[in-house]
Amino acid sequence: MYEKLAGMTGTAQTEATEFAEIYGLDVISIPTNVPVIRKDMPDLIYKTEREKFDAVIRDIKERNKKGQPVLVGTASIEKSEVLHELLKKEKIPHNVLNAKNHEHEAEIIKDAGKKGAVTIATNMAGRGVDIKIDDEVRKLGGLYIIGTERHESRRIDNQLRGRSGRQGDPGESRFYLSLEDHLLRIFGSERIKTIMDKMGVEEGEYIESKMVTRAVEKAQKKVENLHFESRKHLLEYDDVANEQRKLVYKFRHELLNPEFNISEKIDAVREEYLEHLMMECGIFDGAPQEDFDLERLRLKLLEELGEAFEPEELEGKEYSDLREYLLGELKARYESKMGAIHPDQRNEIERIIYLQVLDNAWRDHLYQMDILKTGIGLRGYNQKDPLVEYKKESYNLFTELVESIKFEALKTLYLIRFKSEEEMQQEQEAIERMRAQMEAEMENLSTNKEEELAPLTGSKKPKRNDPCPCGSGKKYKHCCGRSGPKRGLLAEKGE
């Protein structure tokens, strides 16, 4: 996306191959301002994690006793918590930095170089802040870095080590490993275990060997290569989608430009749509007239564009004559409809509708591409290259997308109808009439209800055979004067 691409980082050298292959960038190491005098000591490897942490605590205690500041790097927050509990048991004052204390992070890491300071930090925490040391700490050997585990990427380990020995300051670093560590468990633990067994390493003992350190670095390189291949593979898939993205967004930017000739675009789409529709109905150059499915063509034009044609309008015409007639008629009807509004408004409506159709179709397309990418790997079982298959399938999807955007936009533009001011006024008046009628009915209903519920008034009670005063038209005895069921002798006589 950019003509020039560059950057600076202290840990790009281990990723030089990826920068070259993916981005075409060379990695150049610029010498440090002052020579680095930090001592990077070989790794110490223990059989179990428990032995490793015991050794880390002993080392921290010794350094802390003489006042040398210690920064302990962990691979996860969970491991930070384990070390935190162990240091609490030993009553060693310390700070825990695990990328959760955002407000105090810089403050904590800033003080990590003070005499007697012990700081536990995840590999991600505290980066980008220089840890300053004073002359007293320099005499004690500078900041001491302890790594409790090798990361899968050498770059992360280098970032941890690089927090000590800045600008020519003295410093030390060492990694403590165990055969239970994630990296060694996956790569190389059996080989190192065999070496330890042959050397007769007992519990609590370790091996310190440049050969073993090199073996660990080889394991890291293997993991880095796996991740690189994975990223490269994903990039190859993304490149396919990216080319489509460029084309879609290029057209989208054209649509957003007020100077874009949208009318010309609609004319071209109308012609393409009609040819596509006629082909579906068996109407193409060279086909006999008796094979033309004119009825289907009429129904499609009515259903998709809302434009009705009589059978006699289409019958008896050759392909070219029919095509020219329909094109002219569809254009004339469209212009007649759109001519009722101001040209600027028309242009805006056409562009907005086209944009809405494009955006909705593009979202659906991206979803389809994700589904395709998820299952395309299975093609490998059929001795087919998944990437090649993905390119084929995604090309077909993109072709359908382009056609769908054009045709759906055209259909929408044909189906929309505009109301004149007179029609809108009539519609508003009809709504007002309906509202007034509903209010009158509600008022009438309320009045009748009140009359029904009103108590009988007057000093003289009506006789049973008189009309009921409520106005129902019934006799009083059959309406408001109706009594309950008869009892006793009257009931027997049927009264």
Protein backbone atom coordinates (compact mmCIF):
# COMPACT_ATOMS: atom_id res chain seq x y z
CA MET A 1 0.00 0.00 0.00
CA TYR A 2 2.99 2.33 0.48
CA GLU A 3 5.75 3.27 -1.93
CA LYS A 4 8.32 3.33 0.86
CA LEU A 5 8.44 1.08 3.89
CA ALA A 6 11.04 1.26 6.67
CA GLY A 7 11.40 1.15 10.41
CA MET A 8 13.75 0.77 13.33
CA THR A 9 13.79 -1.85 16.07
CA GLY A 10 16.41 -3.39 18.28
CA THR A 11 15.39 -6.98 17.50
CA ALA A 12 14.85 -7.27 13.73
CA GLN A 13 18.02 -9.22 12.97
CA THR A 14 16.50 -12.59 13.95
CA GLU A 15 13.61 -11.93 11.53
CA ALA A 16 15.80 -10.79 8.61
CA THR A 17 14.66 -13.67 6.37
CA GLU A 18 10.99 -12.82 6.80
CA PHE A 19 11.56 -9.12 6.13
CA ALA A 20 13.40 -10.02 2.93
CA GLU A 21 10.92 -12.61 1.62
CA ILE A 22 7.64 -10.93 2.56
CA TYR A 23 8.40 -7.22 2.31
CA GLY A 24 11.56 -7.16 0.17
CA LEU A 25 13.37 -5.24 2.92
CA ASP A 26 16.98 -5.67 4.00
CA VAL A 27 17.81 -5.61 7.71
CA ILE A 28 20.88 -3.56 8.51
CA SER A 29 22.46 -3.58 11.99
CA ILE A 30 23.60 -0.15 13.12
CA PRO A 31 26.48 -0.34 15.65
CA THR A 32 25.62 0.75 19.17
CA ASN A 33 26.59 4.24 20.29
CA VAL A 34 28.81 2.74 23.02
CA PRO A 35 30.16 -0.86 22.97
CA VAL A 36 27.96 -3.36 24.86
CA ILE A 37 29.81 -4.74 27.91
CA ARG A 38 26.92 -6.77 29.33
CA LYS A 39 27.85 -10.39 30.17
CA ASP A 40 25.41 -12.86 28.59
CA MET A 41 26.12 -16.10 30.42
CA PRO A 42 25.24 -19.61 29.14
CA ASP A 43 21.90 -21.13 30.08
CA LEU A 44 21.53 -23.37 33.12
CA ILE A 45 19.33 -26.39 32.51
CA TYR A 46 17.58 -28.38 35.26
CA LYS A 47 15.51 -31.55 35.02
CA THR A 48 12.32 -30.17 36.60
CA GLU A 49 10.61 -26.80 36.90
CA ARG A 50 10.64 -27.02 40.70
CA GLU A 51 14.43 -27.35 40.73
CA LYS A 52 14.73 -24.47 38.28
CA PHE A 53 12.62 -22.11 40.42
CA ASP A 54 14.54 -23.10 43.57
CA ALA A 55 17.77 -22.16 41.80
CA VAL A 56 16.27 -18.84 40.59
CA ILE A 57 15.25 -17.93 44.16
CA ARG A 58 18.75 -18.78 45.49
CA ASP A 59 20.35 -16.61 42.81
CA ILE A 60 17.99 -13.69 43.56
CA LYS A 61 18.78 -13.96 47.30
CA GLU A 62 22.54 -13.86 46.68
CA ARG A 63 22.33 -10.87 44.34
CA ASN A 64 19.88 -9.08 46.62
CA LYS A 65 22.14 -9.58 49.63
CA LYS A 66 24.93 -7.60 47.99
CA GLY A 67 22.47 -4.99 46.68
CA GLN A 68 22.62 -5.75 42.94
CA PRO A 69 19.24 -5.00 41.28
CA VAL A 70 17.55 -7.98 39.63
CA LEU A 71 14.95 -8.05 36.82
CA VAL A 72 13.28 -11.45 36.45
CA GLY A 73 11.55 -12.16 33.13
CA THR A 74 8.73 -14.72 32.90
CA ALA A 75 6.86 -16.14 29.91
CA SER A 76 3.40 -15.67 31.44
CA ILE A 77 1.43 -13.97 34.21
CA GLU A 78 0.90 -17.39 35.85
CA LYS A 79 4.66 -17.92 36.18
CA SER A 80 5.00 -14.38 37.60
CA GLU A 81 2.49 -15.28 40.30
CA VAL A 82 4.42 -18.48 41.15
CA LEU A 83 7.66 -16.52 41.58
CA HIS A 84 5.82 -13.84 43.55
CA GLU A 85 4.64 -16.44 46.08
CA LEU A 86 8.12 -17.99 46.38
CA LEU A 87 9.74 -14.60 47.01
CA LYS A 88 7.05 -13.77 49.59
CA LYS A 89 7.95 -16.96 51.48
CA GLU A 90 11.61 -15.91 51.49
CA LYS A 91 10.56 -12.40 52.62
CA ILE A 92 12.41 -10.72 49.75
CA PRO A 93 10.89 -7.29 48.92
CA HIS A 94 9.95 -7.12 45.23
CA ASN A 95 7.60 -5.62 42.63
CA VAL A 96 5.49 -7.57 40.16
CA LEU A 97 5.03 -6.15 36.69
CA ASN A 98 2.59 -8.17 34.56
CA ALA A 99 1.08 -5.65 32.15
CA LYS A 100 -1.95 -5.28 34.44
CA ASN A 101 -0.72 -2.27 36.48
CA HIS A 102 -0.83 0.16 33.56
CA GLU A 103 -0.69 3.32 35.65
CA HIS A 104 2.29 2.24 37.75
CA GLU A 105 4.13 0.21 35.09
CA ALA A 106 6.55 2.96 34.03
CA GLU A 107 7.13 3.95 37.66
CA ILE A 108 7.95 0.36 38.68
CA ILE A 109 10.26 -0.34 35.73
CA LYS A 110 11.98 3.05 36.19
CA ASP A 111 13.01 2.05 39.72
CA ALA A 112 14.07 -1.49 38.73
CA GLY A 113 17.71 -0.37 38.49
CA LYS A 114 17.94 0.96 42.05
CA LYS A 115 20.15 -0.78 44.59
CA GLY A 116 18.49 -3.87 46.09
CA ALA A 117 15.49 -3.72 43.73
CA VAL A 118 13.88 -7.01 42.67
CA THR A 119 11.34 -6.81 39.84
CA ILE A 120 9.36 -9.64 38.27
CA ALA A 121 8.08 -8.86 34.78
CA THR A 122 6.41 -10.76 31.97
CA ASN A 123 8.33 -10.50 28.71
CA MET A 124 5.72 -8.07 27.39
CA ALA A 125 5.72 -5.76 30.44
CA GLY A 126 7.85 -2.67 30.86
CA ARG A 127 9.26 -2.48 27.36
CA GLY A 128 10.14 0.92 25.97
CA VAL A 129 11.34 2.35 29.32
CA ASP A 130 15.06 2.74 30.02
CA ILE A 131 16.16 1.32 33.36
CA LYS A 132 18.73 3.76 34.74
CA ILE A 133 21.42 2.75 37.22
CA ASP A 134 23.70 4.88 39.40
CA ASP A 135 27.45 4.61 40.04
CA GLU A 136 26.98 2.43 43.13
CA VAL A 137 25.00 -0.13 41.13
CA ARG A 138 27.60 0.02 38.32
CA LYS A 139 30.27 -1.05 40.82
CA LEU A 140 28.02 -3.98 41.89
CA GLY A 141 27.90 -5.24 38.26
CA GLY A 142 24.88 -3.35 36.92
CA LEU A 143 21.36 -4.68 36.39
CA TYR A 144 21.14 -8.49 36.52
CA ILE A 145 18.62 -10.11 34.16
CA ILE A 146 17.20 -13.57 34.92
CA GLY A 147 15.14 -15.31 32.28
CA THR A 148 13.01 -18.11 33.75
CA GLU A 149 12.17 -19.67 30.37
CA ARG A 150 13.19 -19.41 26.73
CA HIS A 151 10.52 -17.88 24.53
CA GLU A 152 9.58 -19.45 21.20
CA SER A 153 11.03 -16.36 19.53
CA ARG A 154 14.67 -15.33 20.08
CA ARG A 155 13.54 -11.74 19.47
CA ILE A 156 11.58 -11.73 22.77
CA ASP A 157 14.57 -13.13 24.67
CA ASN A 158 16.80 -10.45 23.14
CA GLN A 159 14.34 -7.78 24.26
CA LEU A 160 14.57 -9.07 27.83
CA ARG A 161 18.37 -9.15 27.80
CA GLY A 162 18.49 -5.73 26.18
CA ARG A 163 17.01 -4.04 29.24
CA SER A 164 20.42 -4.35 30.84
CA GLY A 165 23.70 -2.90 29.54
CA ARG A 166 22.19 0.19 27.89
CA GLN A 167 24.56 2.88 26.62
CA GLY A 168 27.67 0.99 27.71
CA ASP A 169 26.41 0.25 31.25
CA PRO A 170 27.67 -2.95 32.91
CA GLY A 171 25.17 -5.77 33.32
CA GLU A 172 24.62 -9.52 33.35
CA SER A 173 22.02 -11.93 32.02
CA ARG A 174 21.29 -15.62 32.40
CA PHE A 175 18.44 -17.96 31.47
CA TYR A 176 17.28 -20.76 33.74
CA LEU A 177 15.59 -23.62 31.89
CA SER A 178 14.08 -27.00 32.70
CA LEU A 179 13.18 -30.03 30.62
CA GLU A 180 9.53 -29.31 31.54
CA ASP A 181 9.57 -25.94 29.76
CA HIS A 182 7.18 -25.64 26.81
CA LEU A 183 9.91 -25.06 24.22
CA LEU A 184 12.17 -27.91 25.37
CA ARG A 185 9.24 -30.27 25.76
CA ILE A 186 8.42 -29.82 22.06
CA PHE A 187 11.97 -29.69 20.71
CA GLY A 188 15.12 -31.27 22.01
CA SER A 189 14.17 -32.35 25.53
CA GLU A 190 14.90 -36.05 24.88
CA ARG A 191 18.34 -35.31 23.48
CA ILE A 192 19.24 -33.01 26.39
CA LYS A 193 17.80 -35.51 28.89
CA THR A 194 20.04 -38.22 27.43
CA ILE A 195 23.07 -35.94 27.87
CA MET A 196 22.07 -35.19 31.49
CA ASP A 197 21.57 -38.89 32.27
CA LYS A 198 24.96 -39.79 30.80
CA MET A 199 26.58 -37.06 32.90
CA GLY A 200 24.84 -38.41 36.01
CA VAL A 201 23.10 -35.16 36.90
CA GLU A 202 21.42 -35.47 40.31
CA GLU A 203 18.39 -33.58 41.67
CA GLY A 204 19.12 -29.90 42.12
CA GLU A 205 22.10 -30.06 39.77
CA TYR A 206 22.26 -28.45 36.34
CA ILE A 207 24.25 -28.54 33.16
CA GLU A 208 25.86 -25.43 31.72
CA SER A 209 27.04 -25.94 28.20
CA LYS A 210 27.34 -23.80 25.08
CA MET A 211 26.38 -26.89 23.11
CA VAL A 212 23.09 -27.12 25.01
CA THR A 213 22.51 -23.37 24.57
CA ARG A 214 23.02 -23.82 20.84
CA ALA A 215 20.56 -26.75 20.87
CA VAL A 216 17.97 -24.48 22.53
CA GLU A 217 18.56 -21.79 19.92
CA LYS A 218 18.08 -24.38 17.16
CA ALA A 219 14.76 -25.33 18.75
CA GLN A 220 13.80 -21.64 18.77
CA LYS A 221 14.74 -21.32 15.10
CA LYS A 222 12.52 -24.32 14.27
CA VAL A 223 9.55 -22.72 16.00
CA GLU A 224 10.28 -19.37 14.36
CA ASN A 225 10.38 -21.07 10.95
CA LEU A 226 7.06 -22.79 11.66
CA HIS A 227 5.47 -19.46 12.56
CA PHE A 228 7.08 -17.81 9.53
CA GLU A 229 5.73 -20.47 7.17
CA SER A 230 2.31 -20.15 8.77
CA ARG A 231 2.33 -16.35 8.32
CA LYS A 232 3.65 -16.71 4.78
CA HIS A 233 0.91 -19.22 3.98
CA LEU A 234 -1.78 -16.92 5.38
CA LEU A 235 -0.31 -14.02 3.42
CA GLU A 236 -0.60 -15.99 0.18
CA TYR A 237 -4.29 -16.51 0.88
CA ASP A 238 -4.72 -12.89 1.95
CA ASP A 239 -3.02 -11.68 -1.24
CA VAL A 240 -5.88 -13.21 -3.23
CA ALA A 241 -8.48 -11.34 -1.17
CA ASN A 242 -6.32 -8.21 -1.22
CA GLU A 243 -6.37 -8.00 -5.02
CA GLN A 244 -10.15 -8.21 -4.92
CA ARG A 245 -10.22 -5.61 -2.14
CA LYS A 246 -8.18 -3.19 -4.26
CA LEU A 247 -10.60 -3.48 -7.19
CA VAL A 248 -13.71 -3.06 -5.03
CA TYR A 249 -12.34 -0.07 -3.14
CA LYS A 250 -11.07 1.54 -6.33
CA PHE A 251 -14.62 1.49 -7.75
CA ARG A 252 -16.03 2.58 -4.39
CA HIS A 253 -13.78 5.66 -4.38
CA GLU A 254 -14.97 6.44 -7.92
CA LEU A 255 -18.58 6.29 -6.73
CA LEU A 256 -17.80 8.64 -3.85
CA ASN A 257 -16.42 11.19 -6.30
CA PRO A 258 -19.23 13.68 -7.16
CA GLU A 259 -17.72 14.05 -10.64
CA PHE A 260 -18.15 10.34 -11.43
CA ASN A 261 -20.46 9.82 -14.43
CA ILE A 262 -22.97 7.48 -12.81
CA SER A 263 -25.49 7.78 -15.67
CA GLU A 264 -22.97 6.38 -18.14
CA LYS A 265 -22.29 3.50 -15.75
CA ILE A 266 -26.01 2.72 -15.44
CA ASP A 267 -26.39 2.72 -19.25
CA ALA A 268 -23.56 0.16 -19.54
CA VAL A 269 -25.02 -2.02 -16.76
CA ARG A 270 -28.50 -1.87 -18.33
CA GLU A 271 -27.09 -3.18 -21.61
CA GLU A 272 -25.14 -5.94 -19.87
CA TYR A 273 -28.15 -6.93 -17.75
CA LEU A 274 -30.47 -7.14 -20.77
CA GLU A 275 -28.02 -9.33 -22.72
CA HIS A 276 -27.65 -11.60 -19.69
CA LEU A 277 -31.43 -11.85 -19.27
CA MET A 278 -32.05 -12.55 -22.96
CA MET A 279 -29.38 -15.27 -22.90
CA GLU A 280 -31.19 -16.90 -19.96
CA CYS A 281 -34.37 -16.92 -22.05
CA GLY A 282 -32.67 -18.54 -25.03
CA ILE A 283 -32.57 -15.28 -27.00
CA PHE A 284 -29.19 -14.71 -28.60
CA ASP A 285 -27.74 -13.87 -31.99
CA GLY A 286 -28.21 -16.77 -34.40
CA ALA A 287 -30.95 -18.53 -32.39
CA PRO A 288 -34.24 -19.21 -34.28
CA GLN A 289 -37.22 -17.02 -33.25
CA GLU A 290 -39.34 -20.05 -32.36
CA ASP A 291 -36.85 -20.84 -29.56
CA PHE A 292 -37.19 -17.38 -27.99
CA ASP A 293 -38.85 -17.68 -24.57
CA LEU A 294 -40.55 -14.30 -24.76
CA GLU A 295 -43.06 -15.08 -22.00
CA ARG A 296 -40.25 -15.75 -19.52
CA LEU A 297 -38.51 -12.56 -20.66
CA ARG A 298 -41.70 -10.54 -20.04
CA LEU A 299 -42.17 -12.06 -16.59
CA LYS A 300 -38.53 -11.43 -15.63
CA LEU A 301 -38.66 -7.80 -16.71
CA LEU A 302 -41.86 -7.31 -14.70
CA GLU A 303 -40.58 -9.16 -11.63
CA GLU A 304 -37.04 -7.73 -11.50
CA LEU A 305 -37.50 -4.24 -12.94
CA GLY A 306 -41.22 -3.67 -12.48
CA GLU A 307 -41.55 -2.91 -16.20
CA ALA A 308 -44.52 -4.44 -18.05
CA PHE A 309 -44.47 -5.27 -21.77
CA GLU A 310 -47.34 -6.59 -23.89
CA PRO A 311 -46.70 -9.80 -25.89
CA GLU A 312 -47.29 -8.02 -29.23
CA GLU A 313 -44.49 -5.54 -28.37
CA LEU A 314 -41.93 -8.33 -28.41
CA GLU A 315 -43.24 -10.80 -30.97
CA GLY A 316 -41.93 -11.06 -34.53
CA LYS A 317 -38.58 -9.36 -33.87
CA GLU A 318 -35.10 -10.70 -34.62
CA TYR A 319 -32.51 -10.74 -31.82
CA SER A 320 -30.87 -7.42 -32.71
CA ASP A 321 -34.20 -5.63 -33.26
CA LEU A 322 -35.62 -6.99 -29.97
CA ARG A 323 -32.48 -6.00 -28.09
CA GLU A 324 -32.50 -2.46 -29.50
CA TYR A 325 -36.23 -2.06 -28.84
CA LEU A 326 -35.98 -3.20 -25.22
CA LEU A 327 -32.87 -1.10 -24.55
CA GLY A 328 -34.51 2.00 -25.96
CA GLU A 329 -37.77 1.38 -24.12
CA LEU A 330 -36.11 0.63 -20.76
CA LYS A 331 -33.90 3.72 -21.04
CA ALA A 332 -36.85 5.93 -22.00
CA ARG A 333 -38.97 4.69 -19.08
CA TYR A 334 -36.10 5.14 -16.64
CA GLU A 335 -35.39 8.66 -17.91
CA SER A 336 -39.07 9.52 -17.70
CA LYS A 337 -39.16 8.50 -14.05
CA MET A 338 -35.84 10.09 -13.05
CA GLY A 339 -36.54 13.23 -15.08
CA ALA A 340 -39.10 14.27 -12.47
CA ILE A 341 -36.35 15.10 -9.96
CA HIS A 342 -33.47 17.61 -10.02
CA PRO A 343 -30.31 16.35 -11.81
CA ASP A 344 -28.18 16.83 -8.66
CA GLN A 345 -30.68 14.85 -6.58
CA ARG A 346 -30.83 12.16 -9.23
CA ASN A 347 -27.04 11.84 -9.28
CA GLU A 348 -26.93 11.58 -5.49
CA ILE A 349 -29.71 8.96 -5.34
CA GLU A 350 -28.06 6.80 -8.00
CA ARG A 351 -24.66 6.91 -6.28
CA ILE A 352 -26.06 6.21 -2.79
CA ILE A 353 -28.09 3.21 -3.96
CA TYR A 354 -25.11 1.82 -5.87
CA LEU A 355 -22.92 2.27 -2.76
CA GLN A 356 -25.41 0.55 -0.45
CA VAL A 357 -25.71 -2.43 -2.79
CA LEU A 358 -21.91 -2.62 -3.13
CA ASP A 359 -21.27 -2.46 0.64
CA ASN A 360 -23.84 -5.15 1.47
CA ALA A 361 -22.61 -7.46 -1.30
CA TRP A 362 -18.95 -6.96 -0.29
CA ARG A 363 -19.71 -7.89 3.34
CA ASP A 364 -21.46 -11.08 2.21
CA HIS A 365 -18.56 -11.86 -0.12
CA LEU A 366 -15.98 -11.55 2.67
CA TYR A 367 -18.06 -13.93 4.77
CA GLN A 368 -18.15 -16.43 1.89
CA MET A 369 -14.38 -16.09 1.46
CA ASP A 370 -13.85 -16.88 5.15
CA ILE A 371 -15.99 -20.00 4.84
CA LEU A 372 -14.06 -21.03 1.73
CA LYS A 373 -10.70 -20.51 3.46
CA THR A 374 -11.79 -22.57 6.47
CA GLY A 375 -12.55 -25.70 4.45
CA ILE A 376 -10.16 -25.39 1.50
CA GLY A 377 -7.41 -27.35 3.27
CA LEU A 378 -9.46 -30.52 2.85
CA ARG A 379 -8.77 -30.36 -0.92
CA GLY A 380 -5.26 -31.58 -0.08
CA TYR A 381 -6.69 -35.04 0.65
CA ASN A 382 -7.78 -35.16 -2.97
CA GLN A 383 -4.20 -34.53 -4.16
CA LYS A 384 -5.01 -30.90 -5.03
CA ASP A 385 -3.10 -27.81 -4.00
CA PRO A 386 -5.42 -25.94 -1.57
CA LEU A 387 -3.96 -22.56 -2.56
CA VAL A 388 -4.58 -23.15 -6.27
CA GLU A 389 -8.11 -24.34 -5.49
CA TYR A 390 -8.68 -21.31 -3.28
CA LYS A 391 -7.62 -18.97 -6.09
CA LYS A 392 -10.01 -20.68 -8.53
CA GLU A 393 -12.97 -20.68 -6.15
CA SER A 394 -12.38 -17.12 -4.96
CA TYR A 395 -12.15 -15.92 -8.58
CA ASN A 396 -15.55 -17.49 -9.30
CA LEU A 397 -17.00 -15.88 -6.16
CA PHE A 398 -15.59 -12.51 -7.16
CA THR A 399 -17.03 -12.77 -10.67
CA GLU A 400 -20.44 -13.48 -9.13
CA LEU A 401 -19.95 -10.55 -6.74
CA VAL A 402 -19.25 -8.04 -9.53
CA GLU A 403 -22.29 -9.21 -11.50
CA SER A 404 -24.48 -9.18 -8.40
CA ILE A 405 -23.49 -5.59 -7.50
CA LYS A 406 -24.23 -4.27 -10.98
CA PHE A 407 -27.53 -6.07 -11.50
CA GLU A 408 -28.92 -5.53 -7.98
CA ALA A 409 -28.15 -1.81 -8.17
CA LEU A 410 -29.95 -1.58 -11.52
CA LYS A 411 -33.00 -3.50 -10.25
CA THR A 412 -33.24 -1.29 -7.17
CA LEU A 413 -33.04 1.87 -9.25
CA TYR A 414 -35.84 0.63 -11.52
CA LEU A 415 -38.10 -0.52 -8.68
CA ILE A 416 -37.97 2.66 -6.59
CA ARG A 417 -40.83 5.08 -7.14
CA PHE A 418 -40.90 8.81 -6.44
CA LYS A 419 -43.96 10.70 -5.23
CA SER A 420 -44.90 14.15 -6.46
CA GLU A 421 -45.68 16.95 -3.99
CA GLU A 422 -49.36 16.60 -4.89
CA GLU A 423 -49.34 12.86 -4.15
CA MET A 424 -47.53 13.42 -0.84
CA GLN A 425 -50.07 16.11 0.11
CA GLN A 426 -52.98 13.81 -0.75
CA GLU A 427 -51.41 11.03 1.28
CA GLN A 428 -50.93 13.38 4.23
CA GLU A 429 -54.57 14.54 4.01
CA ALA A 430 -55.76 10.92 3.93
CA ILE A 431 -53.70 10.19 7.05
CA GLU A 432 -55.20 13.23 8.80
CA ARG A 433 -58.74 12.12 7.86
CA MET A 434 -58.10 8.63 9.20
CA ARG A 435 -56.67 10.05 12.42
CA ALA A 436 -59.71 12.36 12.90
CA GLN A 437 -62.10 9.46 12.20
CA MET A 438 -60.33 7.21 14.74
CA GLU A 439 -60.40 9.96 17.39
CA ALA A 440 -64.17 10.50 16.79
CA GLU A 441 -64.86 6.76 17.09
CA MET A 442 -62.85 6.56 20.31
CA GLU A 443 -64.75 9.54 21.75
CA ASN A 444 -68.10 8.02 20.77
CA LEU A 445 -67.11 4.70 22.30
CA SER A 446 -66.13 6.43 25.52
CA THR A 447 -69.47 8.31 25.71
CA ASN A 448 -71.49 5.12 25.19
CA LYS A 449 -69.50 3.39 27.88
CA GLU A 450 -70.20 6.18 30.35
CA GLU A 451 -73.95 6.00 29.55
CA GLU A 452 -73.95 2.24 30.13
CA LEU A 453 -72.29 2.66 33.47
CA ALA A 454 -74.44 5.67 34.59
CA PRO A 455 -76.78 4.88 37.57
CA LEU A 456 -80.57 5.15 37.18
CA THR A 457 -81.91 8.46 38.46
CA GLY A 458 -85.41 9.68 39.38
CA SER A 459 -87.71 9.25 42.33
CA LYS A 460 -90.06 6.79 40.67
CA LYS A 461 -88.92 3.30 39.78
CA PRO A 462 -90.14 2.16 36.31
CA LYS A 463 -92.69 -0.63 36.11
CA ARG A 464 -91.53 -4.04 34.93
CA ASN A 465 -93.21 -3.78 31.53
CA ASP A 466 -92.19 -0.14 30.88
CA PRO A 467 -89.41 0.66 28.37
CA CYS A 468 -86.04 0.57 30.08
CA PRO A 469 -84.74 4.14 30.76
CA CYS A 470 -81.24 3.18 29.55
CA GLY A 471 -82.46 3.49 25.95
CA SER A 472 -81.88 -0.11 24.90
CA GLY A 473 -85.44 -0.50 23.56
CA LYS A 474 -86.10 -3.52 25.77
CA LYS A 475 -88.65 -3.77 28.58
CA TYR A 476 -87.30 -2.81 31.96
CA LYS A 477 -87.78 -6.37 33.32
CA HIS A 478 -85.66 -7.77 30.46
CA CYS A 479 -82.89 -5.14 30.79
CA CYS A 480 -81.72 -3.15 33.83
CA GLY A 481 -84.60 -4.45 35.99
CA ARG A 482 -83.86 -8.11 35.28
CA SER A 483 -83.74 -10.14 38.49
CA GLY A 484 -82.00 -13.40 39.27
CA PRO A 485 -83.53 -16.90 38.95
CA LYS A 486 -86.90 -17.44 40.68
CA ARG A 487 -87.12 -19.55 43.79
CA GLY A 488 -89.83 -21.44 45.65
CA LEU A 489 -93.50 -21.35 44.57
CA LEU A 490 -92.96 -18.75 41.86
CA ALA A 491 -90.37 -20.94 40.20
CA GLU A 492 -92.73 -23.91 40.22
CA LYS A 493 -95.51 -21.84 38.56
CA GLY A 494 -93.07 -20.68 35.88
CA GLU A 495 -93.28 -17.03 36.92
